[in-house]
Each structure stands twice: as C-alpha cells, then as structure tokens.
C-alpha atoms as a PDB file:
ATOM      1  CA  MET A   1     114.726  87.589 104.908  1.00  0.00           C
ATOM      2  CA  ALA A   2     112.785  88.407 101.748  1.00  0.00           C
ATOM      3  CA  PHE A   3     113.739  91.442  99.707  1.00  0.00           C
ATOM      4  CA  ALA A   4     111.453  94.465  99.936  1.00  0.00           C
ATOM      5  CA  THR A   5     108.746  94.703  97.280  1.00  0.00           C
ATOM      6  CA  LYS A   6     109.430  97.159  94.465  1.00  0.00           C
ATOM      7  CA  THR A   7     106.598  99.535  93.608  1.00  0.00           C
ATOM      8  CA  ASP A   8     106.466 100.779  90.024  1.00  0.00           C
ATOM      9  CA  PRO A   9     106.245 104.595  90.312  1.00  0.00           C
ATOM     10  CA  PHE A  10     104.700 105.066  86.874  1.00  0.00           C
ATOM     11  CA  GLY A  11     102.159 102.257  86.741  1.00  0.00           C
ATOM     12  CA  LEU A  12     103.681 100.740  83.620  1.00  0.00           C
ATOM     13  CA  THR A  13     103.413  97.157  84.876  1.00  0.00           C
ATOM     14  CA  GLY A  14      99.930  97.254  86.374  1.00  0.00           C
ATOM     15  CA  SER A  15      96.970  95.393  84.952  1.00  0.00           C
ATOM     16  CA  SER A  16      95.853  96.879  81.604  1.00  0.00           C
ATOM     17  CA  GLN A  17      98.976  99.045  81.477  1.00  0.00           C
ATOM     18  CA  PRO A  18     101.463  99.190  78.536  1.00  0.00           C
ATOM     19  CA  GLY A  19     104.044  96.930  80.161  1.00  0.00           C
ATOM     20  CA  TYR A  20     101.669  94.469  81.847  1.00  0.00           C
ATOM     21  CA  GLY A  21     103.033  90.956  81.403  1.00  0.00           C
ATOM     22  CA  ILE A  22     106.026  92.319  79.447  1.00  0.00           C
ATOM     23  CA  LEU A  23     107.984  94.347  82.007  1.00  0.00           C
ATOM     24  CA  GLU A  24     108.980  93.603  85.595  1.00  0.00           C
ATOM     25  CA  CYS A  25     110.008  96.491  87.862  1.00  0.00           C
ATOM     26  CA  VAL A  26     113.290  95.437  89.514  1.00  0.00           C
ATOM     27  CA  ALA A  27     114.693  98.626  91.074  1.00  0.00           C
ATOM     28  CA  VAL A  28     113.347 101.994  92.241  1.00  0.00           C
ATOM     29  CA  THR A  29     115.121 105.149  93.407  1.00  0.00           C
ATOM     30  CA  ASP A  30     113.184 108.025  94.992  1.00  0.00           C
ATOM     31  CA  ASN A  31     115.836 110.729  94.443  1.00  0.00           C
ATOM     32  CA  ALA A  32     114.410 112.799  97.300  1.00  0.00           C
ATOM     33  CA  SER A  33     115.651 116.369  97.762  1.00  0.00           C
ATOM     34  CA  ALA A  34     114.795 119.567  99.631  1.00  0.00           C
ATOM     35  CA  SER A  35     115.812 123.221  99.721  1.00  0.00           C
ATOM     36  CA  LEU A  36     117.426 125.037 102.630  1.00  0.00           C
ATOM     37  CA  ALA A  37     117.065 128.698 103.654  1.00  0.00           C
ATOM     38  CA  GLU A  38     119.414 130.102 106.307  1.00  0.00           C
ATOM     39  CA  ALA A  39     119.779 133.477 108.025  1.00  0.00           C
ATOM     40  CA  HIS A  40     122.891 135.035 109.630  1.00  0.00           C
ATOM     41  CA  ASP A  41     123.277 137.589 112.376  1.00  0.00           C
ATOM     42  CA  GLU A  42     125.498 140.682 112.192  1.00  0.00           C
ATOM     43  CA  ASP A  43     128.569 138.543 112.954  1.00  0.00           C
ATOM     44  CA  GLY A  44     127.799 136.082 110.150  1.00  0.00           C
ATOM     45  CA  THR A  45     126.731 133.354 112.553  1.00  0.00           C
ATOM     46  CA  LEU A  46     123.879 131.111 111.430  1.00  0.00           C
ATOM     47  CA  VAL A  47     120.855 131.916 113.578  1.00  0.00           C
ATOM     48  CA  ALA A  48     117.865 130.478 111.701  1.00  0.00           C
ATOM     49  CA  LYS A  49     117.059 127.833 109.149  1.00  0.00           C
ATOM     50  CA  GLU A  50     114.142 126.492 107.187  1.00  0.00           C
ATOM     51  CA  VAL A  51     114.111 123.215 105.248  1.00  0.00           C
ATOM     52  CA  TYR A  52     111.378 123.388 102.637  1.00  0.00           C
ATOM     53  CA  GLY A  53     110.143 122.095  99.300  1.00  0.00           C
ATOM     54  CA  ALA A  54     110.869 118.399  99.850  1.00  0.00           C
ATOM     55  CA  GLN A  55     110.234 116.556  96.590  1.00  0.00           C
ATOM     56  CA  ILE A  56     111.015 113.268  94.855  1.00  0.00           C
ATOM     57  CA  ALA A  57     112.131 112.599  91.280  1.00  0.00           C
ATOM     58  CA  PRO A  58     111.730 108.822  91.034  1.00  0.00           C
ATOM     59  CA  SER A  59     113.412 106.508  88.558  1.00  0.00           C
ATOM     60  CA  ALA A  60     112.804 102.827  87.911  1.00  0.00           C
ATOM     61  CA  ASP A  61     114.555  99.947  86.160  1.00  0.00           C
ATOM     62  CA  TYR A  62     112.626  97.203  84.395  1.00  0.00           C
ATOM     63  CA  LYS A  63     113.453  93.764  82.995  1.00  0.00           C
ATOM     64  CA  VAL A  64     111.802  92.377  79.872  1.00  0.00           C
ATOM     65  CA  LYS A  65     110.230  89.061  80.866  1.00  0.00           C
ATOM     66  CA  LYS A  66     108.174  88.398  77.738  1.00  0.00           C
ATOM     67  CA  SER A  67     108.288  89.509  74.128  1.00  0.00           C
ATOM     68  CA  GLY A  68     105.599  92.021  73.253  1.00  0.00           C
ATOM     69  CA  THR A  69     104.801  95.538  72.096  1.00  0.00           C
ATOM     70  CA  LEU A  70     104.803  98.471  74.483  1.00  0.00           C
ATOM     71  CA  GLU A  71     101.903 100.612  73.282  1.00  0.00           C
ATOM     72  CA  ASP A  72     100.422 103.903  74.496  1.00  0.00           C
ATOM     73  CA  ILE A  73     103.211 104.943  76.851  1.00  0.00           C
ATOM     74  CA  VAL A  74     102.429 108.596  77.555  1.00  0.00           C
ATOM     75  CA  LEU A  75     104.950 111.239  78.547  1.00  0.00           C
ATOM     76  CA  GLY A  76     103.086 113.589  80.868  1.00  0.00           C
ATOM     77  CA  ALA A  77     100.952 110.826  82.423  1.00  0.00           C
ATOM     78  CA  VAL A  78     100.512 111.341  86.184  1.00  0.00           C
ATOM     79  CA  THR A  79     100.380 108.490  88.718  1.00  0.00           C
ATOM     80  CA  THR A  80     100.397 108.120  92.496  1.00  0.00           C
ATOM     81  CA  TYR A  81     103.577 106.804  94.084  1.00  0.00           C
ATOM     82  CA  SER A  82     104.269 106.686  97.816  1.00  0.00           C
ATOM     83  CA  THR A  83     101.303 109.054  98.477  1.00  0.00           C
ATOM     84  CA  LYS A  84     102.768 111.596  96.028  1.00  0.00           C
ATOM     85  CA  ARG A  85     101.771 112.484  92.473  1.00  0.00           C
ATOM     86  CA  VAL A  86     104.498 112.022  89.876  1.00  0.00           C
ATOM     87  CA  VAL A  87     104.659 112.708  86.139  1.00  0.00           C
ATOM     88  CA  LEU A  88     106.486 110.489  83.615  1.00  0.00           C
ATOM     89  CA  THR A  89     109.097 112.557  81.757  1.00  0.00           C
ATOM     90  CA  SER A  90     111.519 109.968  80.333  1.00  0.00           C
ATOM     91  CA  PHE A  91     111.359 106.405  79.008  1.00  0.00           C
ATOM     92  CA  SER A  92     114.391 104.549  77.620  1.00  0.00           C
ATOM     93  CA  VAL A  93     115.028 101.177  75.984  1.00  0.00           C
ATOM     94  CA  ASN A  94     118.623 100.002  75.501  1.00  0.00           C
ATOM     95  CA  THR A  95     119.583  97.069  73.280  1.00  0.00           C
ATOM     96  CA  SER A  96     122.951  95.518  72.474  1.00  0.00           C
ATOM     97  CA  ALA A  97     124.413  92.526  70.651  1.00  0.00           C
ATOM     98  CA  GLY A  98     124.785  89.788  73.238  1.00  0.00           C
ATOM     99  CA  GLY A  99     123.113  91.833  75.980  1.00  0.00           C
ATOM    100  CA  GLU A 100     119.611  91.772  77.411  1.00  0.00           C
ATOM    101  CA  THR A 101     117.218  94.596  76.668  1.00  0.00           C
ATOM    102  CA  THR A 102     116.985  97.058  79.559  1.00  0.00           C
ATOM    103  CA  VAL A 103     114.238  99.581  80.224  1.00  0.00           C
ATOM    104  CA  THR A 104     114.273 102.651  82.491  1.00  0.00           C
ATOM    105  CA  ALA A 105     111.771 105.384  83.314  1.00  0.00           C
ATOM    106  CA  SER A 106     111.991 108.585  85.338  1.00  0.00           C
ATOM    107  CA  GLY A 107     109.819 111.495  86.372  1.00  0.00           C
ATOM    108  CA  GLU A 108     109.152 114.303  88.830  1.00  0.00           C
ATOM    109  CA  GLU A 109     106.813 115.090  91.698  1.00  0.00           C
ATOM    110  CA  VAL A 110     103.967 117.441  90.779  1.00  0.00           C
ATOM    111  CA  GLU A 111     101.102 119.095  92.648  1.00  0.00           C
ATOM    112  CA  ALA A 112      99.266 116.850  95.096  1.00  0.00           C
ATOM    113  CA  ASN A 113      95.843 117.602  93.609  1.00  0.00           C
ATOM    114  CA  SER A 114      96.834 116.844  90.001  1.00  0.00           C
ATOM    115  CA  ASP A 115      93.993 115.029  88.247  1.00  0.00           C
ATOM    116  CA  GLY A 116      96.332 113.308  85.813  1.00  0.00           C
ATOM    117  CA  THR A 117      96.071 115.868  83.046  1.00  0.00           C
ATOM    118  CA  CYS A 118      98.254 118.805  82.080  1.00  0.00           C
ATOM    119  CA  PRO A 119      98.448 121.255  79.159  1.00  0.00           C
ATOM    120  CA  ALA A 120      99.849 118.549  76.893  1.00  0.00           C
ATOM    121  CA  THR A 121     100.646 114.851  76.799  1.00  0.00           C
ATOM    122  CA  TYR A 122     102.794 112.964  74.305  1.00  0.00           C
ATOM    123  CA  THR A 123     102.346 109.329  73.279  1.00  0.00           C
ATOM    124  CA  ILE A 124     105.610 107.704  72.187  1.00  0.00           C
ATOM    125  CA  PRO A 125     105.777 105.268  69.230  1.00  0.00           C
ATOM    126  CA  ASP A 126     105.021 101.585  69.758  1.00  0.00           C
ATOM    127  CA  ILE A 127     108.120  99.638  70.820  1.00  0.00           C
ATOM    128  CA  ALA A 128     108.411  95.900  70.173  1.00  0.00           C
ATOM    129  CA  VAL A 129     110.737  94.425  72.812  1.00  0.00           C
ATOM    130  CA  GLY A 130     111.950  90.853  73.213  1.00  0.00           C
ATOM    131  CA  VAL A 131     113.844  88.550  75.518  1.00  0.00           C
ATOM    132  CA  CYS A 132     116.582  87.791  72.954  1.00  0.00           C
ATOM    133  CA  HIS A 133     119.976  89.393  73.570  1.00  0.00           C
ATOM    134  CA  HIS A 134     120.007  91.379  70.340  1.00  0.00           C
ATOM    135  CA  ALA A 135     120.750  94.905  69.192  1.00  0.00           C
ATOM    136  CA  LYS A 136     117.450  95.946  67.630  1.00  0.00           C
ATOM    137  CA  ILE A 137     115.925  98.546  65.340  1.00  0.00           C
ATOM    138  CA  LEU A 138     112.902  99.822  67.266  1.00  0.00           C
ATOM    139  CA  ALA A 139     110.076 102.272  66.525  1.00  0.00           C
ATOM    140  CA  SER A 140     110.994 102.130  62.802  1.00  0.00           C
ATOM    141  CA  ALA A 141     113.780 104.602  63.579  1.00  0.00           C
ATOM    142  CA  PHE A 142     116.119 103.592  60.737  1.00  0.00           C
ATOM    143  CA  THR A 143     117.246 100.886  58.330  1.00  0.00           C
ATOM    144  CA  LEU A 144     120.717  99.392  57.858  1.00  0.00           C
ATOM    145  CA  SER A 145     121.263  97.451  54.653  1.00  0.00           C
ATOM    146  CA  VAL A 146     125.002  97.253  53.840  1.00  0.00           C
ATOM    147  CA  SER A 147     126.420  93.705  53.799  1.00  0.00           C
ATOM    148  CA  GLY A 148     129.163  93.107  56.341  1.00  0.00           C
ATOM    149  CA  CYS A 149     127.947  95.856  58.702  1.00  0.00           C
ATOM    150  CA  TYR A 150     126.247  94.832  61.925  1.00  0.00           C
ATOM    151  CA  LEU A 151     124.346  96.728  64.586  1.00  0.00           C
ATOM    152  CA  GLN A 152     126.165  96.495  67.935  1.00  0.00           C
ATOM    153  CA  SER A 153     123.958  98.691  70.105  1.00  0.00           C
ATOM    154  CA  ALA A 154     120.866 100.848  69.731  1.00  0.00           C
ATOM    155  CA  ASN A 155     119.679 102.915  72.671  1.00  0.00           C
ATOM    156  CA  TYR A 156     116.372 104.778  72.509  1.00  0.00           C
ATOM    157  CA  THR A 157     115.211 107.602  74.781  1.00  0.00           C
ATOM    158  CA  PHE A 158     111.873 109.384  74.719  1.00  0.00           C
ATOM    159  CA  ALA A 159     111.652 112.446  76.945  1.00  0.00           C
ATOM    160  CA  CYS A 160     109.939 115.754  77.612  1.00  0.00           C
ATOM    161  CA  ALA A 161     110.584 118.769  79.827  1.00  0.00           C
ATOM    162  CA  CYS A 162     108.413 119.566  82.847  1.00  0.00           C
ATOM    163  CA  GLY A 163     107.715 123.136  83.935  1.00  0.00           C
ATOM    164  CA  LYS A 164     106.357 123.685  87.460  1.00  0.00           C
ATOM    165  CA  ALA A 165     104.868 126.594  89.352  1.00  0.00           C
ATOM    166  CA  THR A 166     105.764 126.426  93.059  1.00  0.00           C
ATOM    167  CA  LYS A 167     104.892 128.192  96.308  1.00  0.00           C
ATOM    168  CA  ASP A 168     107.448 127.899  99.116  1.00  0.00           C
ATOM    169  CA  GLY A 169     109.066 125.147  97.049  1.00  0.00           C
ATOM    170  CA  VAL A 170     105.896 123.056  96.792  1.00  0.00           C
ATOM    171  CA  PRO A 171     104.477 122.393  93.283  1.00  0.00           C
ATOM    172  CA  ILE A 172     101.056 123.963  92.711  1.00  0.00           C
ATOM    173  CA  ALA A 173     100.801 123.435  88.918  1.00  0.00           C
ATOM    174  CA  HIS A 174     102.788 121.805  86.138  1.00  0.00           C
ATOM    175  CA  GLY A 175     102.935 121.222  82.396  1.00  0.00           C
ATOM    176  CA  VAL A 176     105.123 119.148  80.080  1.00  0.00           C
ATOM    177  CA  TYR A 177     106.444 120.227  76.688  1.00  0.00           C
ATOM    178  CA  GLY A 178     109.100 119.657  74.013  1.00  0.00           C
ATOM    179  CA  ALA A 179     108.818 115.867  73.703  1.00  0.00           C
ATOM    180  CA  TYR A 180     111.332 114.083  71.489  1.00  0.00           C
ATOM    181  CA  GLY A 181     112.802 110.688  70.740  1.00  0.00           C
ATOM    182  CA  GLU A 182     116.491 109.926  70.266  1.00  0.00           C
ATOM    183  CA  ALA A 183     118.275 106.812  69.013  1.00  0.00           C
ATOM    184  CA  GLN A 184     122.020 106.395  69.543  1.00  0.00           C
ATOM    185  CA  ILE A 185     123.476 103.560  67.480  1.00  0.00           C
ATOM    186  CA  THR A 186     126.805 101.788  67.028  1.00  0.00           C
ATOM    187  CA  ILE A 187     127.676  99.668  63.971  1.00  0.00           C
ATOM    188  CA  ILE A 188     130.700  97.436  63.319  1.00  0.00           C
ATOM    189  CA  GLN A 189     132.112  97.125  59.791  1.00  0.00           C
ATOM    190  CA  THR A 190     133.675  93.813  58.774  1.00  0.00           C
ATOM    191  CA  GLY A 191     133.541  94.255  54.983  1.00  0.00           C
ATOM    192  CA  SER A 192     135.072  96.795  52.635  1.00  0.00           C
ATOM    193  CA  THR A 193     131.975  98.997  52.352  1.00  0.00           C
ATOM    194  CA  PRO A 194     131.085 101.472  55.114  1.00  0.00           C
ATOM    195  CA  PRO A 195     127.556 101.321  56.545  1.00  0.00           C
ATOM    196  CA  THR A 196     124.669 103.408  55.316  1.00  0.00           C
ATOM    197  CA  ILE A 197     121.640 104.229  57.425  1.00  0.00           C
ATOM    198  CA  THR A 198     118.300 105.662  56.340  1.00  0.00           C
ATOM    199  CA  ALA A 199     115.979 107.387  58.789  1.00  0.00           C
ATOM    200  CA  GLY A 200     112.495 105.899  58.986  1.00  0.00           C
ATOM    201  CA  GLY A 201     109.125 107.618  59.301  1.00  0.00           C
ATOM    202  CA  ASN A 202     109.459 111.045  60.915  1.00  0.00           C
ATOM    203  CA  TRP A 203     112.895 110.309  62.337  1.00  0.00           C
ATOM    204  CA  PHE A 204     115.867 112.265  61.024  1.00  0.00           C
ATOM    205  CA  ILE A 205     119.636 111.892  61.352  1.00  0.00           C
ATOM    206  CA  SER A 206     120.809 114.567  63.794  1.00  0.00           C
ATOM    207  CA  SER A 207     124.414 113.357  64.040  1.00  0.00           C
ATOM    208  CA  PRO A 208     125.772 111.566  60.933  1.00  0.00           C
ATOM    209  CA  LEU A 209     127.767 108.368  60.891  1.00  0.00           C
ATOM    210  CA  SER A 210     131.229 108.880  62.399  1.00  0.00           C
ATOM    211  CA  GLN A 211     134.020 106.304  62.156  1.00  0.00           C
ATOM    212  CA  THR A 212     136.444 105.041  64.789  1.00  0.00           C
ATOM    213  CA  ASN A 213     139.125 102.870  63.200  1.00  0.00           C
ATOM    214  CA  PRO A 214     141.485 101.525  65.916  1.00  0.00           C
ATOM    215  CA  ASP A 215     144.663  99.517  65.584  1.00  0.00           C
ATOM    216  CA  ALA A 216     144.181  95.747  65.208  1.00  0.00           C
ATOM    217  CA  ASP A 217     140.400  95.874  65.299  1.00  0.00           C
ATOM    218  CA  TYR A 218     137.367  96.398  63.087  1.00  0.00           C
ATOM    219  CA  PRO A 219     136.061  99.922  62.439  1.00  0.00           C
ATOM    220  CA  THR A 220     132.976 101.058  64.312  1.00  0.00           C
ATOM    221  CA  TRP A 221     130.523 103.766  63.346  1.00  0.00           C
ATOM    222  CA  THR A 222     128.204 105.812  65.544  1.00  0.00           C
ATOM    223  CA  ALA A 223     125.223 108.006  64.713  1.00  0.00           C
ATOM    224  CA  THR A 224     122.263 109.681  66.377  1.00  0.00           C
ATOM    225  CA  LEU A 225     118.708 109.963  65.094  1.00  0.00           C
ATOM    226  CA  ARG A 226     115.976 112.181  66.473  1.00  0.00           C
ATOM    227  CA  LEU A 227     112.187 112.333  66.418  1.00  0.00           C
ATOM    228  CA  HIS A 228     109.904 115.266  67.241  1.00  0.00           C
ATOM    229  CA  ILE A 229     106.804 113.936  69.009  1.00  0.00           C
ATOM    230  CA  ALA A 230     103.502 115.714  68.451  1.00  0.00           C
ATOM    231  CA  LYS A 231     101.299 116.414  71.481  1.00  0.00           C
ATOM    232  CA  ASP A 232      98.160 114.344  71.949  1.00  0.00           C
ATOM    233  CA  SER A 233      95.794 117.017  73.203  1.00  0.00           C
ATOM    234  CA  ALA A 234      95.790 120.409  74.839  1.00  0.00           C
ATOM    235  CA  GLN A 235      93.855 122.038  77.625  1.00  0.00           C
ATOM    236  CA  SER A 236      93.818 125.691  78.603  1.00  0.00           C
END
C-alpha cells in the first residue's frame, strides 16, 4: 500500500512558490481542536452540551532536496488547506554539524472568506539552504571569527502573533503582528581563546555567550540573537 500524499498547508512547495524545487513536504499535522459548553441542572448533573468552534492549527515538516535560496516567505500569508483558510505564523530552519537541515512551518485557521490579506504582513530575510550536513550562518545573522571555535548548531525561527475576532468560536476576522526572528546558536571551543560573535545587519544579541565547561570535554558556548521584522504593508 502506498503512503498517503502529504499536502503542504502553506503552499511553500507549489510552482512559483519560495520553496519550489528546494523543499519537499514530508509530514503534516492538523492539530484540530474544539470548545465545549456544558450546562448542569440543580443537582449538578450534566443536562446539555454544545461542541463549537472547531478549528485547525496545522504544522508541516519539510526536507531540503536541493540547495537554493528561500525568498519572499511571508508571515501573514493566507492559503487554502483542506477546504479551510490558514495563515502562516511561524517558519523555522534548524542546522547542525553532521546533521541535515530541517525546516518546519506552522499556522492557524482564520475566517473562511479571508482574501489573503490582513492588516499587516511580514517578509522574512532570504535564507540560503543546502543539502550538506553543516551548521550554518543564515540570513546574515552573525559572524564567528575566533580560531579554534566551531559552530555546532544554529536554529532560526521567524514568527508573528495572530489576533482573531470570533463569533461562537468561529473566526470572523484576523490580523498578524509583532514579527521577529531568533537565532539560537551553540559553539564548541577547542583552542585557548573563547569565541566572539558579532551580530549582522539589524540583528542584535539578546542573550550573550554563556559557557558550559564539563569534565573531560571541550567547553561549549550558547547565545541567542534576535531580529525585529518590519511590516510590508498595512490596510485599514
């Protein structure tokens, strides 16, 4: 029996889309949920119920099948998935030394009549991904220049919040806001000089380098960088 076809909820792998020819959607989770209202009689016995506001919050996993640059990925973009309209609210790329690059995306169901626009959208920086099993500096987030210090992992997340107006639990309007990027990095030190990192572009160091120096092993350093992403456009 053949495995069921995976449908990309966010349209990232479709023709003319940012991940076309670069990403392959390999797993999808609907994350369906609903709310429950119940009423009790004078004895506390349940006498009525109403299940309402069924929604999905899909997530997807992707494999990198070809080296290339992911351009124009838009937080706040709305697509149709399983007859429902969903908005992209998070996009992550994880890299590690000796490990393949992994990509994930997630979002939320929005109003059925959404035309694909909302009060703001946010385009994330270009991300050059590859098939090599390397820890990588992406989106010009930082530089590492100290000899004897090596990047072990660098995980990048770009996300925004989604506010929704609902009636009886069903979305009737939405808007995204507060988009940001975050890079969490780990560095191993084999020489005598600790690592130094410099934030690139509009990135800034939100959590400075912190050392872990265990018994019978090399020291490792971790840090977090952050990026505030400006909105693309605004409607009333």
